[in-house]
Amino acid sequence: MKRMLPLAIPVVCAVLSSVNLPAQAPPNPSNLPDPFGASPAATSHPRPDSGPVVLEWVPPALAQLSTQATARSSFTLDRTMLTAAAGLMQDSDDEVRQAVSKLDGVSVHLLRFGAEGVADPSQVDAVRQAYHLRGWKHLVTTTNSGSPLRNGTTDVWLVMDGVNLRGAVLLAETPKSLTLVTVAGNLSPVDLLHLRGHFGIPRFDGDRLMGAQVQ
């Protein structure tokens, strides 16, 4: 624990309060597969109805999109790093801190497509379809308005365990970027709303999340 905290805190501080990911994400160990690559785990569609949510799983289409990107980064925050982050929060963030305490981990993948780039719409749709095939419940799609660089949509998928969530996936698409976030833990829908804007989790309109009928 004492050895991990000095490494965890700088990474956590960089992603604590912003949707934007750090300029330099922690490198993957050489013995781990490329998170954007089509590994055996990424080419299958394991259903999430039993066991914990797998943070390392990404849709195969993400690997295809990564070849079009001008920049890409990824990172995973485990429970130890998230606990360290919660300890750095102000007292006014008590609701966020309580939500963080229920997390097992968060993984984030970011693709940027540059001034002239754009994500292949068919591949983005394939990412969405992959979660449908896995049995994730597509709860809500929100549209964000604002500056042209921030215009886009955010899709939210959930794995339900009664009234609580065992996991969630958020796909935020803008004209020049694509962000895929997987959240694992034992959360309520309200907890997920409190986590918006932290650890790379996109901000999205949560009005339809509460009490919405799962599609």
Protein backbone atom coordinates (compact mmCIF):
# COMPACT_ATOMS: atom_id res chain seq x y z
CA MET A 1 0.00 0.00 0.00
CA LYS A 2 2.73 2.46 0.94
CA ARG A 3 4.58 1.78 -2.29
CA MET A 4 1.49 2.25 -4.46
CA LEU A 5 0.25 5.53 -3.07
CA PRO A 6 3.16 7.72 -4.30
CA LEU A 7 2.54 6.39 -7.78
CA ALA A 8 -1.22 6.56 -7.56
CA ILE A 9 -1.65 10.11 -6.31
CA PRO A 10 -0.03 11.96 -9.28
CA VAL A 11 -2.15 10.00 -11.75
CA VAL A 12 -5.31 10.50 -9.74
CA CYS A 13 -4.70 14.23 -9.37
CA ALA A 14 -4.39 14.56 -13.14
CA VAL A 15 -7.82 13.09 -13.79
CA LEU A 16 -9.68 13.94 -10.59
CA SER A 17 -11.87 16.80 -11.71
CA SER A 18 -11.84 16.96 -15.48
CA VAL A 19 -13.28 15.05 -18.40
CA ASN A 20 -10.04 15.73 -20.27
CA LEU A 21 -7.51 12.95 -19.97
CA PRO A 22 -3.89 13.54 -18.95
CA ALA A 23 -1.48 14.43 -21.71
CA GLN A 24 0.63 11.41 -20.80
CA ALA A 25 -1.35 8.39 -19.65
CA PRO A 26 0.43 5.73 -17.59
CA PRO A 27 2.13 3.35 -20.06
CA ASN A 28 0.90 -0.22 -20.23
CA PRO A 29 3.38 -2.80 -18.95
CA SER A 30 5.11 -4.57 -21.81
CA ASN A 31 3.61 -7.91 -20.86
CA LEU A 32 0.03 -6.63 -21.26
CA PRO A 33 -1.84 -6.51 -24.60
CA ASP A 34 -2.48 -3.23 -26.36
CA PRO A 35 -5.84 -2.03 -24.97
CA PHE A 36 -6.79 -0.94 -28.49
CA GLY A 37 -5.69 -4.23 -30.05
CA ALA A 38 -7.92 -7.10 -31.07
CA SER A 39 -6.92 -9.48 -28.28
CA PRO A 40 -8.88 -12.73 -27.75
CA ALA A 41 -10.86 -11.04 -24.98
CA ALA A 42 -11.75 -8.17 -27.30
CA THR A 43 -12.91 -10.35 -30.17
CA SER A 44 -15.50 -12.24 -28.13
CA HIS A 45 -18.67 -10.93 -26.55
CA PRO A 46 -18.68 -12.16 -22.92
CA ARG A 47 -22.05 -11.48 -21.33
CA PRO A 48 -22.01 -9.44 -18.12
CA ASP A 49 -24.89 -11.22 -16.38
CA SER A 50 -22.55 -13.16 -14.09
CA GLY A 51 -19.33 -12.19 -12.38
CA PRO A 52 -17.68 -8.79 -12.19
CA VAL A 53 -17.53 -6.32 -15.04
CA VAL A 54 -14.27 -6.76 -17.00
CA LEU A 55 -12.53 -3.39 -17.19
CA GLU A 56 -10.03 -4.62 -19.80
CA TRP A 57 -12.66 -5.60 -22.36
CA VAL A 58 -13.04 -3.27 -25.36
CA PRO A 59 -15.03 -3.77 -28.58
CA PRO A 60 -12.98 -4.98 -31.57
CA ALA A 61 -14.11 -1.92 -33.56
CA LEU A 62 -12.12 0.27 -31.18
CA ALA A 63 -8.91 -1.19 -32.62
CA GLN A 64 -10.02 -0.19 -36.11
CA LEU A 65 -10.84 3.32 -34.97
CA SER A 66 -7.46 3.63 -33.27
CA THR A 67 -5.71 3.23 -36.63
CA GLN A 68 -7.53 6.36 -37.84
CA ALA A 69 -6.68 8.43 -34.76
CA THR A 70 -3.86 10.96 -34.66
CA ALA A 71 -3.44 10.37 -30.91
CA ARG A 72 -4.65 7.77 -28.48
CA SER A 73 -4.26 7.13 -24.77
CA SER A 74 -5.65 4.86 -22.11
CA PHE A 75 -5.41 4.31 -18.37
CA THR A 76 -7.01 2.24 -15.63
CA LEU A 77 -7.54 3.32 -12.03
CA ASP A 78 -7.87 0.47 -9.53
CA ARG A 79 -9.46 0.59 -6.09
CA THR A 80 -6.22 1.67 -4.39
CA MET A 81 -5.79 4.66 -6.69
CA LEU A 82 -9.46 5.60 -6.40
CA THR A 83 -9.26 5.45 -2.60
CA ALA A 84 -6.26 7.79 -2.73
CA ALA A 85 -8.27 10.16 -4.93
CA ALA A 86 -11.19 10.18 -2.52
CA GLY A 87 -8.82 11.19 0.27
CA LEU A 88 -7.79 14.28 -1.70
CA MET A 89 -11.34 15.55 -2.18
CA GLN A 90 -12.75 18.49 -0.28
CA ASP A 91 -15.42 18.05 2.36
CA SER A 92 -17.92 19.63 -0.02
CA ASP A 93 -17.42 16.64 -2.33
CA ASP A 94 -18.75 14.18 0.24
CA GLU A 95 -21.36 12.71 -2.14
CA VAL A 96 -18.69 12.16 -4.79
CA ARG A 97 -16.37 10.59 -2.20
CA GLN A 98 -19.10 8.17 -1.15
CA ALA A 99 -19.68 7.21 -4.78
CA VAL A 100 -15.94 6.66 -5.30
CA SER A 101 -15.86 4.31 -2.28
CA LYS A 102 -18.24 1.99 -4.16
CA LEU A 103 -16.01 1.72 -7.24
CA ASP A 104 -13.82 -1.28 -8.04
CA GLY A 105 -12.14 0.41 -10.98
CA VAL A 106 -12.40 2.77 -13.95
CA SER A 107 -10.80 2.36 -17.38
CA VAL A 108 -10.64 5.12 -19.98
CA HIS A 109 -9.72 5.02 -23.68
CA LEU A 110 -9.40 8.24 -25.68
CA LEU A 111 -8.98 8.67 -29.43
CA ARG A 112 -8.35 12.05 -31.04
CA PHE A 113 -8.75 12.53 -34.77
CA GLY A 114 -7.03 15.87 -35.37
CA ALA A 115 -8.08 18.92 -37.33
CA GLU A 116 -8.90 17.02 -40.52
CA GLY A 117 -9.86 13.67 -39.04
CA VAL A 118 -13.21 12.12 -38.27
CA ALA A 119 -14.20 8.77 -36.79
CA ASP A 120 -15.61 6.22 -39.21
CA PRO A 121 -19.37 6.26 -38.41
CA SER A 122 -19.74 2.55 -39.22
CA GLN A 123 -17.01 1.63 -36.74
CA VAL A 124 -18.55 3.86 -34.04
CA ASP A 125 -21.86 2.10 -34.64
CA ALA A 126 -20.03 -1.23 -34.36
CA VAL A 127 -18.79 -0.19 -30.91
CA ARG A 128 -22.37 0.53 -29.89
CA GLN A 129 -23.58 -2.77 -31.34
CA ALA A 130 -20.91 -4.70 -29.41
CA TYR A 131 -22.47 -3.70 -26.10
CA HIS A 132 -25.90 -4.68 -27.40
CA LEU A 133 -24.54 -8.14 -28.26
CA ARG A 134 -23.06 -8.47 -24.78
CA GLY A 135 -26.43 -7.81 -23.21
CA TRP A 136 -25.68 -4.39 -21.74
CA LYS A 137 -28.79 -2.26 -21.26
CA HIS A 138 -28.71 0.89 -23.36
CA LEU A 139 -30.36 3.36 -21.03
CA VAL A 140 -29.87 6.77 -22.51
CA THR A 141 -28.29 8.76 -25.32
CA THR A 142 -27.73 12.43 -24.66
CA THR A 143 -26.75 15.21 -27.02
CA ASN A 144 -24.38 17.89 -25.75
CA SER A 145 -24.49 21.37 -27.25
CA GLY A 146 -22.06 24.21 -26.96
CA SER A 147 -18.95 25.07 -28.92
CA PRO A 148 -18.40 23.12 -32.16
CA LEU A 149 -15.58 21.14 -30.52
CA ARG A 150 -17.88 19.96 -27.74
CA ASN A 151 -20.94 19.12 -29.79
CA GLY A 152 -21.60 15.42 -29.74
CA THR A 153 -23.43 12.53 -28.14
CA THR A 154 -22.92 10.38 -25.07
CA ASP A 155 -24.31 6.85 -24.86
CA VAL A 156 -24.76 5.12 -21.50
CA TRP A 157 -25.02 1.34 -21.02
CA LEU A 158 -25.60 -0.37 -17.68
CA VAL A 159 -25.31 -3.78 -16.06
CA MET A 160 -28.07 -3.91 -13.46
CA ASP A 161 -28.10 -5.92 -10.24
CA GLY A 162 -31.57 -5.30 -8.89
CA VAL A 163 -31.84 -1.54 -8.43
CA ASN A 164 -28.07 -1.05 -8.35
CA LEU A 165 -25.41 -1.09 -11.05
CA ARG A 166 -22.50 -3.53 -11.29
CA GLY A 167 -21.05 -1.59 -14.15
CA ALA A 168 -21.55 1.15 -16.70
CA VAL A 169 -20.06 2.12 -20.04
CA LEU A 170 -20.08 5.65 -21.43
CA LEU A 171 -19.23 6.43 -25.04
CA ALA A 172 -18.72 10.15 -25.69
CA GLU A 173 -18.42 11.12 -29.35
CA THR A 174 -17.50 14.56 -30.65
CA PRO A 175 -16.51 15.54 -34.19
CA LYS A 176 -12.82 15.13 -33.31
CA SER A 177 -12.65 12.62 -30.48
CA LEU A 178 -14.05 9.43 -29.04
CA THR A 179 -13.92 8.53 -25.33
CA LEU A 180 -14.88 5.12 -23.98
CA VAL A 181 -15.15 4.72 -20.20
CA THR A 182 -15.91 1.50 -18.31
CA VAL A 183 -16.91 1.71 -14.64
CA ALA A 184 -17.07 -1.30 -12.30
CA GLY A 185 -18.45 -1.39 -8.77
CA ASN A 186 -21.68 -1.52 -6.80
CA LEU A 187 -23.35 1.80 -7.54
CA SER A 188 -26.75 3.41 -7.53
CA PRO A 189 -27.81 5.52 -10.54
CA VAL A 190 -27.36 8.59 -8.32
CA ASP A 191 -23.75 7.57 -7.63
CA LEU A 192 -23.07 7.47 -11.37
CA LEU A 193 -24.44 10.99 -11.71
CA HIS A 194 -22.14 12.22 -8.93
CA LEU A 195 -19.12 10.73 -10.74
CA ARG A 196 -19.66 12.77 -13.92
CA GLY A 197 -16.62 14.90 -14.68
CA HIS A 198 -14.28 12.79 -12.53
CA PHE A 199 -11.69 10.18 -13.58
CA GLY A 200 -12.35 10.78 -17.28
CA ILE A 201 -16.08 10.03 -16.94
CA PRO A 202 -17.88 12.34 -19.39
CA ARG A 203 -20.47 14.84 -18.26
CA PHE A 204 -23.90 14.00 -19.63
CA ASP A 205 -27.49 14.98 -19.05
CA GLY A 206 -28.70 12.68 -16.28
CA ASP A 207 -32.37 13.66 -16.27
CA ARG A 208 -33.31 10.60 -18.29
CA LEU A 209 -31.13 8.29 -16.22
CA MET A 210 -33.31 8.55 -13.14
CA GLY A 211 -36.50 6.58 -13.54
CA ALA A 212 -35.99 6.07 -17.27
CA GLN A 213 -37.20 2.85 -18.80
CA VAL A 214 -34.33 0.65 -19.93
CA GLN A 215 -34.47 0.13 -23.66
